N, C-alpha and C. Protein backbone atom coordinates (compact mmCIF):
# COMPACT_ATOMS: atom_id res chain seq x y z
N MET A 1 1.05 -0.96 -0.09
CA MET A 1 -0.20 0.07 0.00
C MET A 1 1.04 1.26 0.08
N ASP A 2 0.58 2.20 -0.71
CA ASP A 2 1.70 3.52 -0.95
C ASP A 2 0.92 4.48 -0.10
N ASN A 3 1.66 5.75 0.10
CA ASN A 3 1.26 6.45 1.26
C ASN A 3 -0.03 6.92 0.84
N LYS A 4 -0.64 7.11 -0.46
CA LYS A 4 -1.62 8.23 -0.75
C LYS A 4 -2.69 7.36 -0.50
N GLN A 5 -2.79 5.76 -0.81
CA GLN A 5 -3.66 4.93 -0.32
C GLN A 5 -3.48 4.82 1.02
N PHE A 6 -2.61 4.83 1.88
CA PHE A 6 -2.56 4.58 3.18
C PHE A 6 -3.65 6.00 3.98
N GLY A 7 -3.04 7.07 3.41
CA GLY A 7 -3.86 8.41 4.10
C GLY A 7 -5.19 8.14 3.27
N LYS A 8 -5.84 7.91 2.48
CA LYS A 8 -6.86 7.65 2.10
C LYS A 8 -7.83 6.53 3.17
N GLU A 9 -6.94 5.49 3.47
CA GLU A 9 -7.92 4.53 4.26
C GLU A 9 -7.83 5.00 5.80
N LEU A 10 -6.81 5.71 6.06
CA LEU A 10 -6.75 6.25 7.24
C LEU A 10 -7.58 7.63 7.46
N GLU A 11 -8.04 8.04 6.76
CA GLU A 11 -8.89 9.00 6.76
C GLU A 11 -10.42 8.90 7.09
N LYS A 12 -10.61 7.17 6.03
CA LYS A 12 -11.73 6.64 6.43
C LYS A 12 -12.12 6.36 7.63
N ARG A 13 -10.73 5.33 8.29
CA ARG A 13 -10.64 4.91 9.36
C ARG A 13 -11.10 6.01 10.66
N THR A 14 -10.52 7.30 10.59
CA THR A 14 -10.71 8.35 11.55
C THR A 14 -12.10 8.47 11.46
N LYS A 15 -12.71 8.83 10.28
CA LYS A 15 -14.19 9.22 10.05
C LYS A 15 -15.26 8.07 10.61
N ASN A 16 -14.74 7.04 10.42
CA ASN A 16 -15.56 5.72 11.29
C ASN A 16 -15.25 5.76 13.07
N PHE A 17 -14.05 5.99 12.94
CA PHE A 17 -13.77 6.17 14.71
C PHE A 17 -14.90 7.56 14.98
N ALA A 18 -14.90 8.28 14.54
CA ALA A 18 -16.12 9.75 14.87
C ALA A 18 -17.09 9.25 15.05
N LEU A 19 -17.73 8.49 14.05
CA LEU A 19 -19.13 7.64 13.93
C LEU A 19 -19.30 7.08 15.40
N ARG A 20 -18.68 6.26 15.34
CA ARG A 20 -18.17 5.66 16.58
C ARG A 20 -18.76 6.25 18.07
N ILE A 21 -17.89 7.33 17.99
CA ILE A 21 -17.53 8.20 19.28
C ILE A 21 -19.02 8.79 19.38
N LEU A 22 -19.65 9.32 18.50
CA LEU A 22 -20.88 9.71 18.34
C LEU A 22 -22.24 8.75 19.00
N ARG A 23 -21.84 7.79 18.42
CA ARG A 23 -22.72 6.44 18.87
C ARG A 23 -22.43 6.53 20.43
N MET A 24 -21.22 6.30 20.83
CA MET A 24 -21.31 6.14 22.22
C MET A 24 -21.58 7.04 23.12
N ALA A 25 -21.45 8.00 22.82
CA ALA A 25 -21.56 9.12 23.30
C ALA A 25 -23.08 9.74 23.64
N ALA A 26 -23.77 9.06 22.59
CA ALA A 26 -25.41 9.38 22.70
C ALA A 26 -25.93 8.48 24.31
N GLN A 27 -25.00 7.37 24.32
CA GLN A 27 -25.53 6.40 25.55
C GLN A 27 -25.19 7.03 26.93
N LEU A 28 -23.96 8.36 27.14
CA LEU A 28 -23.81 8.31 28.61
C LEU A 28 -24.86 9.27 29.21
N PRO A 29 -25.05 9.25 30.53
CA PRO A 29 -26.30 9.48 31.07
C PRO A 29 -26.04 11.08 31.20
N PRO A 30 -27.56 11.34 31.48
CA PRO A 30 -28.04 12.71 31.06
C PRO A 30 -28.03 13.70 32.05
N THR A 31 -26.64 13.19 32.70
CA THR A 31 -26.22 13.80 34.27
C THR A 31 -25.29 15.15 33.98
N PRO A 32 -25.71 16.43 34.68
CA PRO A 32 -24.44 17.27 34.48
C PRO A 32 -23.12 16.97 34.20
N GLU A 33 -22.54 15.95 34.56
CA GLU A 33 -21.33 15.50 34.45
C GLU A 33 -21.25 14.55 33.21
N GLY A 34 -22.50 14.11 33.10
CA GLY A 34 -22.39 13.25 31.66
C GLY A 34 -22.41 13.81 30.26
N LYS A 35 -23.45 14.86 30.61
CA LYS A 35 -23.15 15.98 29.28
C LYS A 35 -21.71 16.82 29.15
N VAL A 36 -21.32 17.24 30.17
CA VAL A 36 -19.71 17.69 30.08
C VAL A 36 -18.90 16.45 29.35
N ILE A 37 -18.80 15.23 30.00
CA ILE A 37 -17.98 14.45 29.40
C ILE A 37 -17.96 13.84 27.68
N ARG A 38 -19.61 13.88 27.47
CA ARG A 38 -20.06 13.76 26.33
C ARG A 38 -19.60 14.78 25.29
N TYR A 39 -19.61 16.27 25.57
CA TYR A 39 -19.30 16.97 24.95
C TYR A 39 -17.57 17.47 24.65
N GLN A 40 -16.86 17.03 25.78
CA GLN A 40 -15.72 16.96 25.39
C GLN A 40 -14.84 15.64 24.32
N VAL A 41 -15.44 14.34 24.76
CA VAL A 41 -15.16 13.49 23.95
C VAL A 41 -15.55 13.35 22.57
N ILE A 42 -16.94 13.86 22.33
CA ILE A 42 -17.22 13.84 21.17
C ILE A 42 -16.25 15.04 20.32
N LYS A 43 -16.10 16.35 21.05
CA LYS A 43 -15.11 17.28 20.61
C LYS A 43 -13.65 16.77 20.10
N ALA A 44 -13.33 16.26 21.06
CA ALA A 44 -11.87 15.47 21.04
C ALA A 44 -11.89 14.22 19.78
N GLY A 45 -12.92 13.46 19.95
CA GLY A 45 -12.84 12.36 18.69
C GLY A 45 -13.21 12.35 17.80
N THR A 46 -14.14 13.61 17.32
CA THR A 46 -14.15 14.04 15.98
C THR A 46 -13.33 14.85 15.41
N SER A 47 -12.56 15.82 16.24
CA SER A 47 -11.51 16.55 15.54
C SER A 47 -9.98 15.48 15.24
N ILE A 48 -10.01 14.50 15.68
CA ILE A 48 -9.01 13.31 15.03
C ILE A 48 -8.88 13.54 13.47
N GLY A 49 -10.25 13.12 12.90
CA GLY A 49 -10.49 13.00 11.53
C GLY A 49 -10.01 14.24 10.83
N ALA A 50 -10.92 15.25 11.29
CA ALA A 50 -11.08 16.38 10.84
C ALA A 50 -9.35 16.70 10.61
N ASN A 51 -8.96 17.24 11.71
CA ASN A 51 -7.33 17.94 11.52
C ASN A 51 -6.44 16.64 10.57
N TYR A 52 -6.98 15.20 10.84
CA TYR A 52 -6.07 14.39 9.50
C TYR A 52 -6.21 14.80 8.11
N ARG A 53 -7.63 15.03 8.10
CA ARG A 53 -8.14 15.18 6.45
C ARG A 53 -7.50 16.51 6.20
N GLU A 54 -7.54 17.34 6.96
CA GLU A 54 -6.72 18.71 6.66
C GLU A 54 -4.70 18.53 6.49
N ALA A 55 -4.61 17.55 7.20
CA ALA A 55 -2.82 17.02 7.37
C ALA A 55 -2.70 17.00 5.81
N ASN A 56 -3.44 16.08 5.34
CA ASN A 56 -3.65 15.25 4.11
C ASN A 56 -3.69 16.21 3.20
N ARG A 57 -4.11 17.42 2.77
CA ARG A 57 -4.11 18.49 1.93
C ARG A 57 -3.33 19.90 2.47
N ALA A 58 -2.52 19.67 3.47
CA ALA A 58 -1.55 20.58 3.90
C ALA A 58 -0.65 21.03 2.60
N ILE A 59 -0.65 22.33 2.58
CA ILE A 59 -0.26 23.26 1.61
C ILE A 59 2.07 23.31 2.00
N SER A 60 2.25 22.83 2.99
CA SER A 60 3.68 22.13 3.47
C SER A 60 3.80 21.67 4.32
N LYS A 61 5.11 21.07 4.53
CA LYS A 61 5.59 19.92 5.39
C LYS A 61 5.46 20.39 6.84
N ALA A 62 5.41 21.96 6.80
CA ALA A 62 5.33 22.56 8.38
C ALA A 62 3.81 22.46 8.76
N ASP A 63 3.17 22.73 8.01
CA ASP A 63 1.46 22.57 8.15
C ASP A 63 1.27 21.33 8.32
N PHE A 64 1.95 20.24 7.40
CA PHE A 64 1.38 18.62 7.80
C PHE A 64 1.74 18.49 9.10
N LYS A 65 3.12 18.95 9.16
CA LYS A 65 3.48 18.73 10.52
C LYS A 65 2.65 18.94 11.75
N ASN A 66 2.28 20.47 11.62
CA ASN A 66 1.20 20.95 12.73
C ASN A 66 -0.13 20.27 12.84
N LYS A 67 -0.77 20.06 11.88
CA LYS A 67 -2.13 18.88 11.73
C LYS A 67 -1.65 17.77 12.90
N ILE A 68 -0.82 17.15 12.03
CA ILE A 68 -0.28 15.68 12.89
C ILE A 68 -0.23 16.04 14.27
N SER A 69 0.40 17.06 14.30
CA SER A 69 0.38 17.24 16.06
C SER A 69 -0.51 17.47 16.52
N ILE A 70 -1.77 18.00 15.61
CA ILE A 70 -2.93 18.46 16.52
C ILE A 70 -3.53 17.03 16.48
N CYS A 71 -3.56 15.84 15.59
CA CYS A 71 -4.03 14.74 15.88
C CYS A 71 -3.34 14.10 16.68
N THR A 72 -2.47 14.11 17.28
CA THR A 72 -1.79 13.32 18.45
C THR A 72 -2.50 13.96 19.45
N LYS A 73 -2.52 15.36 19.71
CA LYS A 73 -3.07 15.81 20.85
C LYS A 73 -4.48 15.41 21.32
N GLU A 74 -5.40 15.63 19.95
CA GLU A 74 -6.72 15.18 20.30
C GLU A 74 -6.86 13.57 20.95
N ALA A 75 -5.98 12.79 19.96
CA ALA A 75 -6.28 11.30 19.97
C ALA A 75 -6.01 11.43 21.52
N SER A 76 -4.99 12.08 22.10
CA SER A 76 -4.49 11.91 23.77
C SER A 76 -5.50 12.00 24.32
N GLU A 77 -6.45 13.48 23.96
CA GLU A 77 -7.02 13.87 24.94
C GLU A 77 -8.56 12.81 24.96
N CYS A 78 -8.89 12.16 23.76
CA CYS A 78 -9.73 11.23 23.77
C CYS A 78 -9.66 10.34 24.66
N MET A 79 -8.38 9.63 24.72
CA MET A 79 -7.98 8.96 25.53
C MET A 79 -8.31 8.88 26.35
N TYR A 80 -7.99 10.02 27.30
CA TYR A 80 -8.51 10.66 28.60
C TYR A 80 -9.77 10.55 28.79
N TRP A 81 -10.41 10.93 28.04
CA TRP A 81 -12.26 11.01 28.43
C TRP A 81 -12.87 9.59 28.31
N LEU A 82 -12.38 8.64 27.45
CA LEU A 82 -12.57 7.03 27.16
C LEU A 82 -12.63 6.77 28.63
N GLU A 83 -10.90 6.93 29.08
CA GLU A 83 -10.79 6.23 30.39
C GLU A 83 -11.47 6.60 31.33
N ILE A 84 -12.17 8.03 31.56
CA ILE A 84 -12.93 8.57 32.59
C ILE A 84 -14.54 8.12 32.56
N ILE A 85 -14.58 7.74 31.36
CA ILE A 85 -15.74 7.29 31.58
C ILE A 85 -16.10 5.25 31.73
N MET A 86 -14.87 4.84 31.44
CA MET A 86 -14.65 3.59 31.90
C MET A 86 -14.64 3.73 33.29
N GLU A 87 -13.52 4.54 34.27
CA GLU A 87 -13.36 4.18 35.34
C GLU A 87 -14.15 4.99 36.10
N GLY A 88 -14.88 5.87 35.54
CA GLY A 88 -16.19 6.63 36.47
C GLY A 88 -17.36 5.65 36.33
N LYS A 89 -17.19 4.79 35.35
CA LYS A 89 -18.89 3.86 35.40
C LYS A 89 -19.63 4.55 34.74
N LEU A 90 -19.56 5.13 33.90
CA LEU A 90 -20.53 6.33 33.26
C LEU A 90 -21.07 5.25 32.18
N LEU A 91 -20.23 4.05 31.66
CA LEU A 91 -20.81 3.14 30.72
C LEU A 91 -20.32 2.14 30.98
N PRO A 92 -20.75 0.64 30.75
CA PRO A 92 -19.96 -0.34 30.86
C PRO A 92 -19.14 -0.37 29.83
N LYS A 93 -17.61 -1.29 30.64
CA LYS A 93 -16.24 -1.10 30.01
C LYS A 93 -16.74 -2.14 28.87
N GLU A 94 -17.42 -2.52 28.60
CA GLU A 94 -18.00 -3.63 27.36
C GLU A 94 -17.98 -2.65 26.06
N LYS A 95 -18.86 -1.88 26.42
CA LYS A 95 -19.42 -0.64 25.61
C LYS A 95 -18.56 0.21 25.09
N VAL A 96 -17.16 0.32 25.75
CA VAL A 96 -16.36 1.27 25.68
C VAL A 96 -14.47 0.94 24.67
N ILE A 97 -14.29 -0.30 25.43
CA ILE A 97 -13.12 -0.91 25.19
C ILE A 97 -12.40 -0.94 23.77
N ASP A 98 -13.37 -1.18 23.24
CA ASP A 98 -13.24 -1.20 21.21
C ASP A 98 -12.92 0.39 20.91
N LEU A 99 -13.04 1.11 21.55
CA LEU A 99 -13.10 2.17 21.06
C LEU A 99 -11.59 2.79 21.64
N TYR A 100 -11.49 2.25 22.76
CA TYR A 100 -10.26 2.77 23.74
C TYR A 100 -9.33 2.03 22.63
N LYS A 101 -9.55 1.06 22.28
CA LYS A 101 -8.21 0.24 21.67
C LYS A 101 -7.96 0.68 20.23
N GLU A 102 -9.00 1.42 19.42
CA GLU A 102 -9.00 1.71 18.44
C GLU A 102 -8.30 3.14 18.50
N ASN A 103 -8.44 3.93 19.62
CA ASN A 103 -7.99 5.13 20.02
C ASN A 103 -6.33 5.09 20.04
N ASP A 104 -5.89 3.74 20.98
CA ASP A 104 -5.01 3.70 21.04
C ASP A 104 -3.95 3.58 19.77
N GLU A 105 -4.29 2.93 18.82
CA GLU A 105 -3.94 2.54 17.37
C GLU A 105 -3.60 3.77 17.05
N LEU A 106 -4.92 4.80 16.92
CA LEU A 106 -4.65 5.57 15.97
C LEU A 106 -3.78 6.73 16.87
N LEU A 107 -3.70 6.78 17.92
CA LEU A 107 -2.41 7.87 18.63
C LEU A 107 -1.29 7.18 18.31
N SER A 108 -1.20 6.02 18.35
CA SER A 108 0.27 5.54 17.96
C SER A 108 0.85 5.96 16.63
N ILE A 109 -0.09 5.88 15.42
CA ILE A 109 -0.04 5.93 14.23
C ILE A 109 0.34 7.43 14.21
N PHE A 110 -0.15 8.51 14.74
CA PHE A 110 0.17 9.78 14.66
C PHE A 110 1.36 10.14 15.09
N THR A 111 1.63 9.54 16.64
CA THR A 111 2.80 9.90 17.12
C THR A 111 3.87 9.16 16.16
N SER A 112 3.89 8.30 15.37
CA SER A 112 4.96 7.53 14.69
C SER A 112 4.98 8.70 13.48
N ALA A 113 4.06 9.00 12.95
CA ALA A 113 4.39 10.00 11.73
C ALA A 113 4.82 11.45 12.29
N LEU A 114 4.48 12.34 13.50
CA LEU A 114 4.74 13.07 14.36
C LEU A 114 6.47 12.82 14.36
N ASN A 115 7.10 11.78 15.01
CA ASN A 115 8.12 11.61 14.88
C ASN A 115 9.04 11.25 13.99
N THR A 116 8.48 10.59 12.80
CA THR A 116 9.28 11.04 11.34
C THR A 116 9.39 12.46 11.29
N CYS A 117 8.50 13.13 10.94
CA CYS A 117 8.33 14.52 10.70
C CYS A 117 9.40 15.49 11.47
N ARG A 118 9.42 14.81 12.51
CA ARG A 118 10.79 15.68 13.62
C ARG A 118 11.89 15.25 12.97
N LYS A 119 12.33 14.22 12.33
CA LYS A 119 13.71 13.08 11.91
C LYS A 119 13.91 14.25 10.86
N LYS A 120 13.25 14.56 10.19
CA LYS A 120 13.46 15.19 8.86
C LYS A 120 13.93 16.92 8.98
């Protein structure tokens, strides 16, 4: 798989992740705490794909690096909120764990890409 094809597949993967985040967040309790966490996890989880799409259309290497850096930060933040959801027992762990694992894989991909950019 070449870089362009990989990029397109990763765009699809991050969009699917965002949609899954939306479905999971809709199940959070309608308490004040649940509403705050819903907002935060949706914001972070959907931002990953949006910023990755922008990275693929970057106008320079510096722009690409900046967008990938944002993807990394948003993926890390999303992971935090997923941990809060599981550890705070806002949803059963079984409803969140697959998203958590996918988030971890995405974070690893973006961290690796960012490290590659830094070496150049």
